[in-house]
Amino acid sequence: MNAEMMSIKELATYLNLSIPTVYRMTIPGKKKPNPLPHYKIQGSLRFSKEKIEKWLETKEVAA
């Protein structure tokens, strides 16, 4: 795997969101059936930049 991985802090900066907001976005629920794609490695969340960009494309709102 040659994907760029980001920590929760790096992703929060990349998305211009707070760390608690990014963490909440990883938790699936009734109102959030499509949470942020992530990996849990030794208790830490890691995010693939490629998967995040694909996820963001699904969130685009047509003008």
N, C-alpha and C. Protein backbone atom coordinates (compact mmCIF):
# COMPACT_ATOMS: atom_id res chain seq x y z
N MET A 1 0.85 -1.17 0.00
CA MET A 1 0.00 0.00 0.00
C MET A 1 0.90 1.23 0.00
N ASN A 2 0.67 2.11 -0.96
CA ASN A 2 1.52 3.28 -1.11
C ASN A 2 0.72 4.57 -0.94
N ALA A 3 -0.34 4.51 -0.16
CA ALA A 3 -1.22 5.67 0.03
C ALA A 3 -0.68 6.58 1.12
N GLU A 4 -0.92 7.87 0.94
CA GLU A 4 -0.55 8.83 1.97
C GLU A 4 -1.55 8.73 3.12
N MET A 5 -1.05 8.50 4.32
CA MET A 5 -1.90 8.37 5.49
C MET A 5 -1.79 9.63 6.33
N MET A 6 -2.92 10.02 6.93
CA MET A 6 -2.95 11.22 7.77
C MET A 6 -3.48 10.85 9.15
N SER A 7 -2.99 11.58 10.15
CA SER A 7 -3.52 11.44 11.51
C SER A 7 -4.81 12.25 11.59
N ILE A 8 -5.51 12.11 12.71
CA ILE A 8 -6.76 12.87 12.89
C ILE A 8 -6.46 14.38 12.91
N LYS A 9 -5.35 14.78 13.48
CA LYS A 9 -4.97 16.20 13.52
C LYS A 9 -4.68 16.72 12.11
N GLU A 10 -3.97 15.92 11.32
CA GLU A 10 -3.66 16.33 9.94
C GLU A 10 -4.93 16.42 9.10
N LEU A 11 -5.84 15.46 9.29
CA LEU A 11 -7.09 15.49 8.54
C LEU A 11 -7.95 16.69 8.95
N ALA A 12 -7.99 16.99 10.23
CA ALA A 12 -8.75 18.14 10.70
C ALA A 12 -8.22 19.42 10.06
N THR A 13 -6.92 19.54 9.96
CA THR A 13 -6.32 20.70 9.31
C THR A 13 -6.67 20.71 7.82
N TYR A 14 -6.56 19.57 7.17
CA TYR A 14 -6.85 19.42 5.74
C TYR A 14 -8.30 19.82 5.42
N LEU A 15 -9.23 19.42 6.29
CA LEU A 15 -10.66 19.70 6.07
C LEU A 15 -11.11 21.01 6.72
N ASN A 16 -10.21 21.65 7.45
CA ASN A 16 -10.53 22.88 8.18
C ASN A 16 -11.67 22.66 9.17
N LEU A 17 -11.55 21.57 9.94
CA LEU A 17 -12.52 21.20 10.96
C LEU A 17 -11.79 20.99 12.28
N SER A 18 -12.54 20.95 13.37
CA SER A 18 -11.93 20.65 14.66
C SER A 18 -11.69 19.14 14.78
N ILE A 19 -10.77 18.77 15.64
CA ILE A 19 -10.48 17.35 15.87
C ILE A 19 -11.72 16.61 16.39
N PRO A 20 -12.46 17.17 17.38
CA PRO A 20 -13.67 16.45 17.83
C PRO A 20 -14.70 16.26 16.72
N THR A 21 -14.82 17.22 15.81
CA THR A 21 -15.76 17.08 14.70
C THR A 21 -15.34 15.95 13.78
N VAL A 22 -14.06 15.86 13.46
CA VAL A 22 -13.57 14.78 12.60
C VAL A 22 -13.82 13.44 13.29
N TYR A 23 -13.53 13.36 14.58
CA TYR A 23 -13.76 12.11 15.31
C TYR A 23 -15.23 11.70 15.23
N ARG A 24 -16.14 12.65 15.45
CA ARG A 24 -17.59 12.34 15.38
C ARG A 24 -17.99 11.87 13.99
N MET A 25 -17.34 12.37 12.96
CA MET A 25 -17.66 12.01 11.59
C MET A 25 -17.24 10.58 11.25
N THR A 26 -16.44 9.94 12.11
CA THR A 26 -16.03 8.55 11.88
C THR A 26 -17.03 7.55 12.43
N ILE A 27 -17.98 8.02 13.24
CA ILE A 27 -18.91 7.13 13.92
C ILE A 27 -20.20 7.01 13.11
N PRO A 28 -20.52 5.79 12.65
CA PRO A 28 -21.76 5.63 11.87
C PRO A 28 -22.99 5.74 12.76
N GLY A 29 -24.08 6.12 12.17
CA GLY A 29 -25.33 6.24 12.90
C GLY A 29 -26.50 6.32 11.94
N LYS A 30 -27.69 6.45 12.48
CA LYS A 30 -28.89 6.51 11.65
C LYS A 30 -28.87 7.71 10.72
N LYS A 31 -28.39 8.83 11.21
CA LYS A 31 -28.36 10.04 10.40
C LYS A 31 -27.05 10.19 9.63
N LYS A 32 -26.08 9.31 9.90
CA LYS A 32 -24.79 9.34 9.22
C LYS A 32 -24.44 7.93 8.70
N PRO A 33 -25.13 7.49 7.65
CA PRO A 33 -24.87 6.14 7.16
C PRO A 33 -23.54 5.99 6.43
N ASN A 34 -22.88 7.10 6.11
CA ASN A 34 -21.64 7.06 5.35
C ASN A 34 -20.53 7.81 6.11
N PRO A 35 -19.98 7.21 7.18
CA PRO A 35 -18.97 7.92 7.98
C PRO A 35 -17.64 8.05 7.24
N LEU A 36 -16.76 8.88 7.75
CA LEU A 36 -15.43 9.03 7.17
C LEU A 36 -14.72 7.69 7.14
N PRO A 37 -14.14 7.32 6.00
CA PRO A 37 -13.38 6.07 5.95
C PRO A 37 -12.07 6.21 6.73
N HIS A 38 -11.78 5.23 7.56
CA HIS A 38 -10.58 5.31 8.39
C HIS A 38 -10.08 3.93 8.77
N TYR A 39 -8.88 3.91 9.30
CA TYR A 39 -8.26 2.70 9.85
C TYR A 39 -7.96 2.97 11.31
N LYS A 40 -8.01 1.93 12.11
CA LYS A 40 -7.61 2.06 13.51
C LYS A 40 -6.35 1.20 13.67
N ILE A 41 -5.23 1.88 13.90
CA ILE A 41 -3.93 1.20 14.01
C ILE A 41 -3.37 1.46 15.40
N GLN A 42 -3.26 0.40 16.17
CA GLN A 42 -2.78 0.47 17.55
C GLN A 42 -3.51 1.56 18.34
N GLY A 43 -4.82 1.62 18.18
CA GLY A 43 -5.64 2.55 18.94
C GLY A 43 -5.72 3.95 18.37
N SER A 44 -4.98 4.23 17.29
CA SER A 44 -5.00 5.56 16.68
C SER A 44 -5.73 5.52 15.35
N LEU A 45 -6.50 6.56 15.07
CA LEU A 45 -7.19 6.64 13.79
C LEU A 45 -6.23 7.16 12.74
N ARG A 46 -6.27 6.53 11.56
CA ARG A 46 -5.47 6.96 10.41
C ARG A 46 -6.40 7.02 9.20
N PHE A 47 -6.13 7.97 8.32
CA PHE A 47 -6.99 8.23 7.18
C PHE A 47 -6.17 8.24 5.90
N SER A 48 -6.67 7.54 4.88
CA SER A 48 -6.03 7.53 3.57
C SER A 48 -6.50 8.78 2.81
N LYS A 49 -5.56 9.59 2.37
CA LYS A 49 -5.93 10.81 1.66
C LYS A 49 -6.75 10.48 0.41
N GLU A 50 -6.38 9.43 -0.28
CA GLU A 50 -7.10 9.00 -1.49
C GLU A 50 -8.55 8.64 -1.16
N LYS A 51 -8.76 7.87 -0.10
CA LYS A 51 -10.13 7.49 0.28
C LYS A 51 -10.95 8.68 0.76
N ILE A 52 -10.30 9.61 1.46
CA ILE A 52 -10.99 10.81 1.93
C ILE A 52 -11.44 11.64 0.73
N GLU A 53 -10.58 11.79 -0.26
CA GLU A 53 -10.95 12.56 -1.45
C GLU A 53 -12.11 11.91 -2.20
N LYS A 54 -12.12 10.58 -2.29
CA LYS A 54 -13.25 9.88 -2.92
C LYS A 54 -14.53 10.08 -2.10
N TRP A 55 -14.41 10.01 -0.77
CA TRP A 55 -15.56 10.21 0.11
C TRP A 55 -16.12 11.62 -0.07
N LEU A 56 -15.22 12.60 -0.18
CA LEU A 56 -15.66 13.99 -0.36
C LEU A 56 -16.44 14.17 -1.67
N GLU A 57 -16.05 13.45 -2.71
CA GLU A 57 -16.75 13.53 -3.98
C GLU A 57 -18.21 13.09 -3.83
N THR A 58 -18.46 12.15 -2.94
CA THR A 58 -19.84 11.68 -2.72
C THR A 58 -20.67 12.70 -1.96
N LYS A 59 -19.99 13.68 -1.34
CA LYS A 59 -20.69 14.69 -0.53
C LYS A 59 -20.95 15.99 -1.31
N GLU A 60 -20.52 16.02 -2.57
CA GLU A 60 -20.69 17.23 -3.37
C GLU A 60 -22.16 17.52 -3.61
N VAL A 61 -22.54 18.78 -3.46
CA VAL A 61 -23.93 19.21 -3.66
C VAL A 61 -23.99 19.98 -4.98
N ALA A 62 -24.90 19.56 -5.85
CA ALA A 62 -25.05 20.23 -7.14
C ALA A 62 -25.62 21.64 -6.94
N ALA A 63 -25.10 22.57 -7.69
CA ALA A 63 -25.56 23.97 -7.57
C ALA A 63 -26.84 24.19 -8.34
